[in-house]
Amino acid sequence: MESVKQPIVDMILWVIASTPPVFVNGKEDLNRARLASQLINDGYLRGSVASDSQGRPMNVAILDVTIQGRTFCEQLEEEIRNARFAVKAVKTLKKGTILLLAGIGGVIGAVIGSVITAIILKKTGMN
């Protein structure tokens, strides 16, 4: 299950790792162009957007990641790490619970077996 935050982090890290300007062609990848356009509009990236007559971003030129964009990216990365840790913790807890219940079940089974054996021995006079 991919986080909706991951594509934003990927876009910002891609721009940081690239030599500006970075271009996104909306005809080739409209979703990526829309994301880049939104990040520019929100002030996380610095660049320009050329849209078609229907308002779809067709050519996006990204010049840089703003300070707000870097901070936002770091926050999203931390949230993604925390979410992954929480999922792992829940899985580990579930495994531990299953093992605990199995252990309790084994003890209960042994006690019931001993009680039944004692009752049978007492009833048959073999005690």
Protein backbone atom coordinates (compact mmCIF):
# COMPACT_ATOMS: atom_id res chain seq x y z
CA MET A 1 0.00 0.00 0.00
CA GLU A 2 1.71 3.12 -1.19
CA SER A 3 1.14 6.28 0.76
CA VAL A 4 -0.40 9.23 -1.10
CA LYS A 5 2.51 11.18 0.37
CA GLN A 6 5.18 9.10 -1.38
CA PRO A 7 4.70 10.60 -4.90
CA ILE A 8 5.15 14.09 -3.41
CA VAL A 9 8.35 13.05 -1.65
CA ASP A 10 9.57 11.34 -4.83
CA MET A 11 8.89 14.48 -6.91
CA ILE A 12 10.69 16.80 -4.51
CA LEU A 13 13.68 14.46 -4.12
CA TRP A 14 13.84 14.05 -7.90
CA VAL A 15 14.06 17.83 -8.34
CA ILE A 16 16.69 18.10 -5.59
CA ALA A 17 18.80 15.41 -7.29
CA SER A 18 18.42 16.90 -10.78
CA THR A 19 20.20 19.74 -12.52
CA PRO A 20 17.68 22.56 -13.01
CA PRO A 21 15.63 23.30 -14.87
CA VAL A 22 13.68 20.07 -14.72
CA PHE A 23 10.93 19.62 -17.30
CA VAL A 24 7.73 17.60 -17.04
CA ASN A 25 5.72 17.01 -20.21
CA GLY A 26 1.99 16.77 -19.51
CA LYS A 27 1.38 14.88 -22.76
CA GLU A 28 3.71 12.10 -21.59
CA ASP A 29 2.75 12.06 -17.92
CA LEU A 30 -0.24 14.19 -17.00
CA ASN A 31 -0.36 13.00 -13.39
CA ARG A 32 3.26 13.98 -12.79
CA ALA A 33 2.68 17.33 -14.51
CA ARG A 34 -0.38 17.95 -12.32
CA LEU A 35 1.58 17.12 -9.18
CA ALA A 36 4.47 19.39 -10.19
CA SER A 37 2.01 22.16 -11.06
CA GLN A 38 0.28 21.83 -7.70
CA LEU A 39 3.59 21.87 -5.82
CA ILE A 40 4.56 25.05 -7.70
CA ASN A 41 1.18 26.66 -6.93
CA ASP A 42 1.51 25.71 -3.24
CA GLY A 43 4.99 27.23 -3.02
CA TYR A 44 6.95 24.00 -2.54
CA LEU A 45 8.64 24.19 -5.94
CA ARG A 46 9.75 27.22 -7.93
CA GLY A 47 8.95 27.08 -11.61
CA SER A 48 6.42 27.80 -14.32
CA VAL A 49 3.49 25.97 -15.83
CA ALA A 50 2.10 26.19 -19.36
CA SER A 51 -1.43 24.81 -19.54
CA ASP A 52 -3.61 23.84 -22.48
CA SER A 53 -7.00 25.40 -23.25
CA GLN A 54 -8.69 23.05 -20.76
CA GLY A 55 -6.35 24.07 -17.93
CA ARG A 56 -4.29 20.88 -17.93
CA PRO A 57 -0.58 21.44 -17.31
CA MET A 58 1.22 20.52 -20.52
CA ASN A 59 4.72 21.83 -19.91
CA VAL A 60 6.14 22.34 -16.44
CA ALA A 61 9.59 23.82 -15.87
CA ILE A 62 10.84 23.36 -12.31
CA LEU A 63 13.72 25.59 -11.28
CA ASP A 64 14.22 24.65 -7.64
CA VAL A 65 12.75 23.34 -4.40
CA THR A 66 11.85 26.11 -1.97
CA ILE A 67 12.77 26.04 1.71
CA GLN A 68 9.11 25.27 2.45
CA GLY A 69 9.31 22.41 -0.05
CA ARG A 70 12.35 20.91 1.64
CA THR A 71 10.72 21.22 5.07
CA PHE A 72 7.48 19.73 3.73
CA CYS A 73 9.40 16.84 2.17
CA GLU A 74 11.20 16.12 5.46
CA GLN A 75 7.87 16.14 7.32
CA LEU A 76 6.29 13.75 4.82
CA GLU A 77 9.30 11.41 4.96
CA GLU A 78 9.02 11.31 8.77
CA GLU A 79 5.27 10.60 8.57
CA ILE A 80 5.90 7.79 6.07
CA ARG A 81 8.62 6.28 8.32
CA ASN A 82 6.33 6.50 11.36
CA ALA A 83 3.45 4.89 9.46
CA ARG A 84 5.71 2.03 8.32
CA PHE A 85 6.97 1.57 11.89
CA ALA A 86 3.39 1.49 13.20
CA VAL A 87 2.42 -1.17 10.64
CA LYS A 88 5.45 -3.29 11.60
CA ALA A 89 4.67 -2.84 15.30
CA VAL A 90 1.07 -3.97 14.80
CA LYS A 91 2.21 -7.03 12.82
CA THR A 92 4.74 -7.90 15.53
CA LEU A 93 2.11 -7.40 18.22
CA LYS A 94 -0.30 -9.66 16.36
CA LYS A 95 2.36 -12.39 16.07
CA GLY A 96 3.18 -12.03 19.76
CA THR A 97 -0.49 -12.21 20.69
CA ILE A 98 -0.95 -15.36 18.64
CA LEU A 99 2.08 -16.97 20.29
CA LEU A 100 0.85 -15.93 23.74
CA LEU A 101 -2.62 -17.31 23.07
CA ALA A 102 -1.12 -20.54 21.74
CA GLY A 103 0.99 -20.82 24.89
CA ILE A 104 -2.00 -20.16 27.13
CA GLY A 105 -4.01 -22.68 25.13
CA GLY A 106 -1.26 -25.25 25.63
CA VAL A 107 -1.19 -24.67 29.39
CA ILE A 108 -4.99 -24.81 29.61
CA GLY A 109 -4.99 -27.99 27.55
CA ALA A 110 -2.39 -29.60 29.83
CA VAL A 111 -4.34 -28.60 32.98
CA ILE A 112 -7.62 -29.93 31.56
CA GLY A 113 -5.87 -33.14 30.55
CA SER A 114 -4.46 -33.55 34.08
CA VAL A 115 -7.85 -32.86 35.66
CA ILE A 116 -9.59 -35.36 33.41
CA THR A 117 -6.90 -37.96 34.11
CA ALA A 118 -7.27 -37.39 37.88
CA ILE A 119 -11.08 -37.72 37.66
CA ILE A 120 -10.82 -40.94 35.65
CA LEU A 121 -8.26 -42.40 38.05
CA LYS A 122 -10.42 -41.47 41.05
CA LYS A 123 -13.61 -42.93 39.47
CA THR A 124 -11.89 -46.16 38.51
CA GLY A 125 -10.24 -46.47 41.87
CA MET A 126 -6.77 -46.46 40.44
CA ASN A 127 -5.76 -43.49 42.56
